[in-house]
C-alpha cells in the first residue's frame, strides 16, 4: 500500500532524570525514570497490527514486505518522510527491509532531520540476516530494528559522512558534560555532533552508536529500537 506522507513528530522528551545504570557494562548507559513516556518505549512495545495501523494513520509511504524469521512486522519505505529521502546504498534489496516499529521512529527522526536542513540519508542496511545462529528476537539488524547510516545530505548539497566528517575517537563520550569536542573550525563535525545529540535527547532510539563507540562503527551511525529493555545509549 502507498500513502502520502504528512508532517508529524513526537515532541521531544523534556526534563529527564536518571536512575543509576546498575549492572550496565557501559557507564554511558542511561536509565530514565520515566522510560514508559519515551517514544522508543511506545514503539518497541507495539504489536504488529497496531504498528501497521499507526503507519496508515500517519500516512507514511510504505508497503508490507517479507524478510527473515526474526522480523515481526517487515515493511519497506516507498517514499520520503517529511521531505527526507532514505537512500539504500547496498545492492542487496533485503537490506531495505525494516520492522514497522523502526519505521515509526524514523518518521520522527526525519522531522528532526529537517530542522537540521537534511534532505537525504544514505544508509547501508536495515535488515541483515544472522549467519551465526545467535541472534535474539527484538534486537539489532536480524530483527529489522536497526539501521546503519553512512551520510546525511543537506539542502545546500553538502554531504556529511560519518567516516570522513565525524572526527570520532573510540571510547569518547559523545554528548553532555565532558563530551569529546571536534577540532575548532570543523563545521561538518560540529553539525553531525549536534544532530546526534539532538536525536539522543528525543529518545526515539534505544541505541545510537557513532564512530566513538568502537572501530566497527567508524563509517556509520547505528540507530536501533530494541524490545524488552528500559535504557538508552548514545556514544
C-alpha atoms as a PDB file:
ATOM      1  CA  UNK A   1       0.000   0.000   0.000  1.00  0.00           C
ATOM      2  CA  UNK A   2       1.162   3.544  -0.633  1.00  0.00           C
ATOM      3  CA  UNK A   3       0.343   6.654   1.289  1.00  0.00           C
ATOM      4  CA  UNK A   4       1.087  10.341   1.133  1.00  0.00           C
ATOM      5  CA  UNK A   5       3.467  11.486   3.859  1.00  0.00           C
ATOM      6  CA  UNK A   6       2.357  14.202   6.246  1.00  0.00           C
ATOM      7  CA  UNK A   7       4.215  16.283   8.823  1.00  0.00           C
ATOM      8  CA  UNK A   8       4.213  14.765  12.256  1.00  0.00           C
ATOM      9  CA  UNK A   9       6.652  14.432  15.101  1.00  0.00           C
ATOM     10  CA  UNK A  10       6.555  13.171  18.649  1.00  0.00           C
ATOM     11  CA  UNK A  11       7.507  16.060  20.943  1.00  0.00           C
ATOM     12  CA  UNK A  12      10.937  15.863  22.478  1.00  0.00           C
ATOM     13  CA  UNK A  13      11.026  14.274  25.892  1.00  0.00           C
ATOM     14  CA  UNK A  14      11.768  17.049  28.335  1.00  0.00           C
ATOM     15  CA  UNK A  15      13.167  17.189  31.850  1.00  0.00           C
ATOM     16  CA  UNK A  16      14.658  13.707  32.075  1.00  0.00           C
ATOM     17  CA  UNK A  17      16.030  12.350  35.361  1.00  0.00           C
ATOM     18  CA  UNK A  18      18.108   9.218  35.516  1.00  0.00           C
ATOM     19  CA  UNK A  19      18.474   6.286  37.861  1.00  0.00           C
ATOM     20  CA  UNK A  20      21.850   4.555  38.215  1.00  0.00           C
ATOM     21  CA  UNK A  21      22.583   2.109  35.399  1.00  0.00           C
ATOM     22  CA  UNK A  22      23.227  -0.745  37.811  1.00  0.00           C
ATOM     23  CA  UNK A  23      24.954  -3.694  36.193  1.00  0.00           C
ATOM     24  CA  UNK A  24      25.347  -1.967  32.844  1.00  0.00           C
ATOM     25  CA  UNK A  25      28.649  -2.763  31.206  1.00  0.00           C
ATOM     26  CA  UNK A  26      28.850   0.643  29.550  1.00  0.00           C
ATOM     27  CA  UNK A  27      28.983   3.572  32.030  1.00  0.00           C
ATOM     28  CA  UNK A  28      27.244   5.826  29.482  1.00  0.00           C
ATOM     29  CA  UNK A  29      24.026   3.793  29.581  1.00  0.00           C
ATOM     30  CA  UNK A  30      21.145   5.938  30.849  1.00  0.00           C
ATOM     31  CA  UNK A  31      18.074   4.534  32.595  1.00  0.00           C
ATOM     32  CA  UNK A  32      15.384   7.253  32.671  1.00  0.00           C
ATOM     33  CA  UNK A  33      12.884   7.069  35.487  1.00  0.00           C
ATOM     34  CA  UNK A  34      10.123   7.934  33.002  1.00  0.00           C
ATOM     35  CA  UNK A  35      11.141   5.403  30.365  1.00  0.00           C
ATOM     36  CA  UNK A  36       7.480   4.491  29.787  1.00  0.00           C
ATOM     37  CA  UNK A  37       6.855   8.027  28.462  1.00  0.00           C
ATOM     38  CA  UNK A  38       9.513   7.834  25.725  1.00  0.00           C
ATOM     39  CA  UNK A  39       8.774   7.280  22.030  1.00  0.00           C
ATOM     40  CA  UNK A  40      11.190   4.336  21.894  1.00  0.00           C
ATOM     41  CA  UNK A  41       9.229   2.529  24.604  1.00  0.00           C
ATOM     42  CA  UNK A  42       5.924   3.264  22.886  1.00  0.00           C
ATOM     43  CA  UNK A  43       7.120   1.898  19.546  1.00  0.00           C
ATOM     44  CA  UNK A  44       9.048  -1.103  20.849  1.00  0.00           C
ATOM     45  CA  UNK A  45       6.056  -2.322  22.849  1.00  0.00           C
ATOM     46  CA  UNK A  46       3.649  -2.323  19.894  1.00  0.00           C
ATOM     47  CA  UNK A  47       2.212  -5.477  18.383  1.00  0.00           C
ATOM     48  CA  UNK A  48       2.395  -5.764  14.608  1.00  0.00           C
ATOM     49  CA  UNK A  49      -1.162  -4.812  13.638  1.00  0.00           C
ATOM     50  CA  UNK A  50      -1.372  -1.669  15.805  1.00  0.00           C
ATOM     51  CA  UNK A  51       2.009  -0.694  14.372  1.00  0.00           C
ATOM     52  CA  UNK A  52       0.754  -1.065  10.790  1.00  0.00           C
ATOM     53  CA  UNK A  53      -2.329   0.942  11.759  1.00  0.00           C
ATOM     54  CA  UNK A  54      -0.180   3.793  13.052  1.00  0.00           C
ATOM     55  CA  UNK A  55       1.762   3.830   9.783  1.00  0.00           C
ATOM     56  CA  UNK A  56      -1.578   4.185   7.998  1.00  0.00           C
ATOM     57  CA  UNK A  57      -2.810   6.851  10.398  1.00  0.00           C
ATOM     58  CA  UNK A  58       0.322   8.908   9.818  1.00  0.00           C
ATOM     59  CA  UNK A  59       0.098   8.353   6.051  1.00  0.00           C
ATOM     60  CA  UNK A  60       3.662   7.037   5.987  1.00  0.00           C
ATOM     61  CA  UNK A  61       4.586   5.725   2.496  1.00  0.00           C
ATOM     62  CA  UNK A  62       5.262   2.004   2.898  1.00  0.00           C
ATOM     63  CA  UNK A  63       4.416  -1.455   1.716  1.00  0.00           C
ATOM     64  CA  UNK A  64       4.449  -4.705   3.616  1.00  0.00           C
ATOM     65  CA  UNK A  65       7.391  -6.980   2.852  1.00  0.00           C
ATOM     66  CA  UNK A  66       8.809 -10.396   3.603  1.00  0.00           C
ATOM     67  CA  UNK A  67      12.062 -10.966   5.415  1.00  0.00           C
ATOM     68  CA  UNK A  68      13.913 -13.142   7.902  1.00  0.00           C
ATOM     69  CA  UNK A  69      12.083 -15.040  10.662  1.00  0.00           C
ATOM     70  CA  UNK A  70      13.055 -12.545  13.378  1.00  0.00           C
ATOM     71  CA  UNK A  71      11.448  -9.538  11.645  1.00  0.00           C
ATOM     72  CA  UNK A  72       7.991  -9.484  13.206  1.00  0.00           C
ATOM     73  CA  UNK A  73       6.413  -6.716  11.099  1.00  0.00           C
ATOM     74  CA  UNK A  74       8.505  -6.308   7.913  1.00  0.00           C
ATOM     75  CA  UNK A  75       7.940  -3.255   5.722  1.00  0.00           C
ATOM     76  CA  UNK A  76       9.727  -1.214   3.071  1.00  0.00           C
ATOM     77  CA  UNK A  77       9.701   2.559   2.874  1.00  0.00           C
ATOM     78  CA  UNK A  78       8.398   3.698  -0.530  1.00  0.00           C
ATOM     79  CA  UNK A  79       8.780   7.475  -0.369  1.00  0.00           C
ATOM     80  CA  UNK A  80      10.220  10.423   1.563  1.00  0.00           C
ATOM     81  CA  UNK A  81       9.429  11.154   5.195  1.00  0.00           C
ATOM     82  CA  UNK A  82       8.818  14.844   5.895  1.00  0.00           C
ATOM     83  CA  UNK A  83      10.786  15.689   2.772  1.00  0.00           C
ATOM     84  CA  UNK A  84      13.726  13.437   3.700  1.00  0.00           C
ATOM     85  CA  UNK A  85      14.649  10.605   1.324  1.00  0.00           C
ATOM     86  CA  UNK A  86      16.229   7.464   2.815  1.00  0.00           C
ATOM     87  CA  UNK A  87      18.529   6.007   0.157  1.00  0.00           C
ATOM     88  CA  UNK A  88      19.601   2.379   0.453  1.00  0.00           C
ATOM     89  CA  UNK A  89      23.260   2.134  -0.618  1.00  0.00           C
ATOM     90  CA  UNK A  90      23.739  -1.632  -0.676  1.00  0.00           C
ATOM     91  CA  UNK A  91      22.926  -3.709  -3.772  1.00  0.00           C
ATOM     92  CA  UNK A  92      21.123  -6.367  -1.724  1.00  0.00           C
ATOM     93  CA  UNK A  93      17.460  -5.392  -1.760  1.00  0.00           C
ATOM     94  CA  UNK A  94      16.767  -7.234   1.504  1.00  0.00           C
ATOM     95  CA  UNK A  95      18.753  -4.574   3.340  1.00  0.00           C
ATOM     96  CA  UNK A  96      15.965  -2.077   2.680  1.00  0.00           C
ATOM     97  CA  UNK A  97      13.512  -4.143   4.751  1.00  0.00           C
ATOM     98  CA  UNK A  98      12.856  -2.896   8.271  1.00  0.00           C
ATOM     99  CA  UNK A  99      10.474  -3.585  11.100  1.00  0.00           C
ATOM    100  CA  UNK A 100       7.394  -1.386  11.355  1.00  0.00           C
ATOM    101  CA  UNK A 101       8.491  -0.132  14.780  1.00  0.00           C
ATOM    102  CA  UNK A 102      11.765   1.185  13.422  1.00  0.00           C
ATOM    103  CA  UNK A 103       9.906   2.959  10.631  1.00  0.00           C
ATOM    104  CA  UNK A 104       7.768   4.836  13.166  1.00  0.00           C
ATOM    105  CA  UNK A 105      10.942   6.043  14.893  1.00  0.00           C
ATOM    106  CA  UNK A 106      12.463   7.006  11.541  1.00  0.00           C
ATOM    107  CA  UNK A 107       9.379   9.074  10.751  1.00  0.00           C
ATOM    108  CA  UNK A 108      10.018  11.151  13.891  1.00  0.00           C
ATOM    109  CA  UNK A 109      13.731  11.200  13.083  1.00  0.00           C
ATOM    110  CA  UNK A 110      13.049  12.608   9.628  1.00  0.00           C
ATOM    111  CA  UNK A 111      11.101  15.521  11.106  1.00  0.00           C
ATOM    112  CA  UNK A 112      14.072  16.243  13.369  1.00  0.00           C
ATOM    113  CA  UNK A 113      16.462  15.982  10.412  1.00  0.00           C
ATOM    114  CA  UNK A 114      14.550  18.647   8.502  1.00  0.00           C
ATOM    115  CA  UNK A 115      15.332  21.035  11.363  1.00  0.00           C
ATOM    116  CA  UNK A 116      18.988  20.340  10.535  1.00  0.00           C
ATOM    117  CA  UNK A 117      18.384  21.083   6.825  1.00  0.00           C
ATOM    118  CA  UNK A 118      18.836  17.405   5.899  1.00  0.00           C
ATOM    119  CA  UNK A 119      17.055  16.232   2.750  1.00  0.00           C
ATOM    120  CA  UNK A 120      18.642  12.816   2.139  1.00  0.00           C
ATOM    121  CA  UNK A 121      20.034   9.983   4.249  1.00  0.00           C
ATOM    122  CA  UNK A 122      22.301   7.287   2.848  1.00  0.00           C
ATOM    123  CA  UNK A 123      22.098   4.019   4.754  1.00  0.00           C
ATOM    124  CA  UNK A 124      23.986   0.767   4.318  1.00  0.00           C
ATOM    125  CA  UNK A 125      21.320  -1.593   5.616  1.00  0.00           C
ATOM    126  CA  UNK A 126      18.450  -2.114   7.981  1.00  0.00           C
ATOM    127  CA  UNK A 127      17.740  -5.865   7.902  1.00  0.00           C
ATOM    128  CA  UNK A 128      20.753  -8.165   7.790  1.00  0.00           C
ATOM    129  CA  UNK A 129      20.397 -11.939   8.138  1.00  0.00           C
ATOM    130  CA  UNK A 130      22.036 -13.709  11.038  1.00  0.00           C
ATOM    131  CA  UNK A 131      24.563 -16.331   9.933  1.00  0.00           C
ATOM    132  CA  UNK A 132      25.812 -17.128  13.440  1.00  0.00           C
ATOM    133  CA  UNK A 133      22.581 -18.556  14.817  1.00  0.00           C
ATOM    134  CA  UNK A 134      22.982 -16.360  17.913  1.00  0.00           C
ATOM    135  CA  UNK A 135      20.601 -13.511  17.056  1.00  0.00           C
ATOM    136  CA  UNK A 136      17.904 -12.786  19.627  1.00  0.00           C
ATOM    137  CA  UNK A 137      14.329 -11.722  18.844  1.00  0.00           C
ATOM    138  CA  UNK A 138      13.680  -7.993  19.123  1.00  0.00           C
ATOM    139  CA  UNK A 139      17.295  -6.914  18.658  1.00  0.00           C
ATOM    140  CA  UNK A 140      19.583  -5.470  16.021  1.00  0.00           C
ATOM    141  CA  UNK A 141      19.627  -5.958  12.268  1.00  0.00           C
ATOM    142  CA  UNK A 142      18.320  -9.570  12.109  1.00  0.00           C
ATOM    143  CA  UNK A 143      15.066  -8.253  13.640  1.00  0.00           C
ATOM    144  CA  UNK A 144      14.932  -5.282  11.242  1.00  0.00           C
ATOM    145  CA  UNK A 145      15.053  -2.913  14.219  1.00  0.00           C
ATOM    146  CA  UNK A 146      18.365  -1.218  13.402  1.00  0.00           C
ATOM    147  CA  UNK A 147      19.717   0.930  10.572  1.00  0.00           C
ATOM    148  CA  UNK A 148      23.320   1.850   9.733  1.00  0.00           C
ATOM    149  CA  UNK A 149      23.538   5.396   8.356  1.00  0.00           C
ATOM    150  CA  UNK A 150      26.611   6.385   6.328  1.00  0.00           C
ATOM    151  CA  UNK A 151      25.875  10.023   5.469  1.00  0.00           C
ATOM    152  CA  UNK A 152      23.441  12.927   5.507  1.00  0.00           C
ATOM    153  CA  UNK A 153      22.922  15.380   2.636  1.00  0.00           C
ATOM    154  CA  UNK A 154      21.775  18.910   3.395  1.00  0.00           C
ATOM    155  CA  UNK A 155      19.690  21.374   1.398  1.00  0.00           C
ATOM    156  CA  UNK A 156      22.796  23.094   0.005  1.00  0.00           C
ATOM    157  CA  UNK A 157      24.059  19.783  -1.415  1.00  0.00           C
ATOM    158  CA  UNK A 158      26.778  19.200   1.169  1.00  0.00           C
ATOM    159  CA  UNK A 159      27.161  15.560   2.156  1.00  0.00           C
ATOM    160  CA  UNK A 160      28.216  14.928   5.742  1.00  0.00           C
ATOM    161  CA  UNK A 161      29.825  11.498   6.029  1.00  0.00           C
ATOM    162  CA  UNK A 162      30.194   9.652   9.311  1.00  0.00           C
ATOM    163  CA  UNK A 163      33.619   8.320   8.325  1.00  0.00           C
ATOM    164  CA  UNK A 164      35.184  11.404   6.769  1.00  0.00           C
ATOM    165  CA  UNK A 165      33.495  14.192   8.753  1.00  0.00           C
ATOM    166  CA  UNK A 166      32.512  12.950  12.208  1.00  0.00           C
ATOM    167  CA  UNK A 167      36.008  13.139  13.737  1.00  0.00           C
ATOM    168  CA  UNK A 168      35.296  10.468  16.321  1.00  0.00           C
ATOM    169  CA  UNK A 169      37.541   8.764  18.840  1.00  0.00           C
ATOM    170  CA  UNK A 170      36.786   5.258  20.118  1.00  0.00           C
ATOM    171  CA  UNK A 171      35.695   5.338  23.744  1.00  0.00           C
ATOM    172  CA  UNK A 172      34.984   9.064  23.835  1.00  0.00           C
ATOM    173  CA  UNK A 173      31.792  10.464  25.303  1.00  0.00           C
ATOM    174  CA  UNK A 174      29.556  11.874  22.571  1.00  0.00           C
ATOM    175  CA  UNK A 175      27.058  14.193  24.290  1.00  0.00           C
ATOM    176  CA  UNK A 176      26.732  16.132  27.515  1.00  0.00           C
ATOM    177  CA  UNK A 177      29.361  17.240  30.005  1.00  0.00           C
ATOM    178  CA  UNK A 178      32.936  16.221  29.223  1.00  0.00           C
ATOM    179  CA  UNK A 179      31.934  15.084  25.746  1.00  0.00           C
ATOM    180  CA  UNK A 180      34.651  14.971  23.116  1.00  0.00           C
ATOM    181  CA  UNK A 181      34.606  18.158  21.010  1.00  0.00           C
ATOM    182  CA  UNK A 182      35.553  18.301  17.316  1.00  0.00           C
ATOM    183  CA  UNK A 183      38.529  20.393  16.294  1.00  0.00           C
ATOM    184  CA  UNK A 184      37.755  24.141  16.205  1.00  0.00           C
ATOM    185  CA  UNK A 185      36.527  25.172  12.779  1.00  0.00           C
ATOM    186  CA  UNK A 186      35.355  21.719  11.738  1.00  0.00           C
ATOM    187  CA  UNK A 187      31.786  22.751  10.947  1.00  0.00           C
ATOM    188  CA  UNK A 188      30.810  19.399   9.450  1.00  0.00           C
ATOM    189  CA  UNK A 189      31.831  17.520  12.597  1.00  0.00           C
ATOM    190  CA  UNK A 190      30.052  20.050  14.802  1.00  0.00           C
ATOM    191  CA  UNK A 191      26.872  19.743  12.719  1.00  0.00           C
ATOM    192  CA  UNK A 192      26.946  15.948  12.931  1.00  0.00           C
ATOM    193  CA  UNK A 193      27.594  16.064  16.670  1.00  0.00           C
ATOM    194  CA  UNK A 194      24.605  18.357  17.243  1.00  0.00           C
ATOM    195  CA  UNK A 195      22.410  16.167  15.047  1.00  0.00           C
ATOM    196  CA  UNK A 196      23.412  13.069  17.032  1.00  0.00           C
ATOM    197  CA  UNK A 197      22.865  14.702  20.415  1.00  0.00           C
ATOM    198  CA  UNK A 198      19.514  16.250  19.463  1.00  0.00           C
ATOM    199  CA  UNK A 199      18.396  12.813  18.279  1.00  0.00           C
ATOM    200  CA  UNK A 200      19.538  11.258  21.535  1.00  0.00           C
ATOM    201  CA  UNK A 201      17.531  13.800  23.540  1.00  0.00           C
ATOM    202  CA  UNK A 202      14.398  12.918  21.574  1.00  0.00           C
ATOM    203  CA  UNK A 203      14.555   9.299  22.848  1.00  0.00           C
ATOM    204  CA  UNK A 204      13.489   7.852  19.517  1.00  0.00           C
ATOM    205  CA  UNK A 205      16.112   5.069  19.545  1.00  0.00           C
ATOM    206  CA  UNK A 206      17.411   2.950  22.405  1.00  0.00           C
ATOM    207  CA  UNK A 207      20.841   2.743  20.823  1.00  0.00           C
ATOM    208  CA  UNK A 208      22.570   5.489  18.864  1.00  0.00           C
ATOM    209  CA  UNK A 209      26.146   4.418  18.172  1.00  0.00           C
ATOM    210  CA  UNK A 210      28.714   6.562  16.332  1.00  0.00           C
ATOM    211  CA  UNK A 211      32.416   6.202  15.479  1.00  0.00           C
ATOM    212  CA  UNK A 212      33.044   6.939  19.171  1.00  0.00           C
ATOM    213  CA  UNK A 213      31.581   3.549  20.086  1.00  0.00           C
ATOM    214  CA  UNK A 214      34.092   1.163  18.508  1.00  0.00           C
ATOM    215  CA  UNK A 215      36.159   0.622  15.375  1.00  0.00           C
ATOM    216  CA  UNK A 216      33.344  -1.300  13.672  1.00  0.00           C
ATOM    217  CA  UNK A 217      31.269   1.906  13.698  1.00  0.00           C
ATOM    218  CA  UNK A 218      33.980   4.108  12.163  1.00  0.00           C
ATOM    219  CA  UNK A 219      31.949   4.684   8.985  1.00  0.00           C
ATOM    220  CA  UNK A 220      28.325   4.798  10.129  1.00  0.00           C
ATOM    221  CA  UNK A 221      25.805   5.675  12.809  1.00  0.00           C
ATOM    222  CA  UNK A 222      23.782   2.768  14.161  1.00  0.00           C
ATOM    223  CA  UNK A 223      20.234   3.593  15.298  1.00  0.00           C
ATOM    224  CA  UNK A 224      18.087   0.927  16.912  1.00  0.00           C
ATOM    225  CA  UNK A 225      14.724   0.475  18.595  1.00  0.00           C
ATOM    226  CA  UNK A 226      15.149  -2.502  20.905  1.00  0.00           C
ATOM    227  CA  UNK A 227      12.408  -4.502  22.532  1.00  0.00           C
ATOM    228  CA  UNK A 228      12.275  -5.542  26.189  1.00  0.00           C
ATOM    229  CA  UNK A 229      14.815  -3.102  27.629  1.00  0.00           C
ATOM    230  CA  UNK A 230      14.494   0.119  29.641  1.00  0.00           C
ATOM    231  CA  UNK A 231      17.657   2.034  28.851  1.00  0.00           C
ATOM    232  CA  UNK A 232      19.366   4.223  26.265  1.00  0.00           C
ATOM    233  CA  UNK A 233      22.907   4.505  24.997  1.00  0.00           C
ATOM    234  CA  UNK A 234      24.294   7.362  22.920  1.00  0.00           C
ATOM    235  CA  UNK A 235      28.000   7.066  22.161  1.00  0.00           C
END
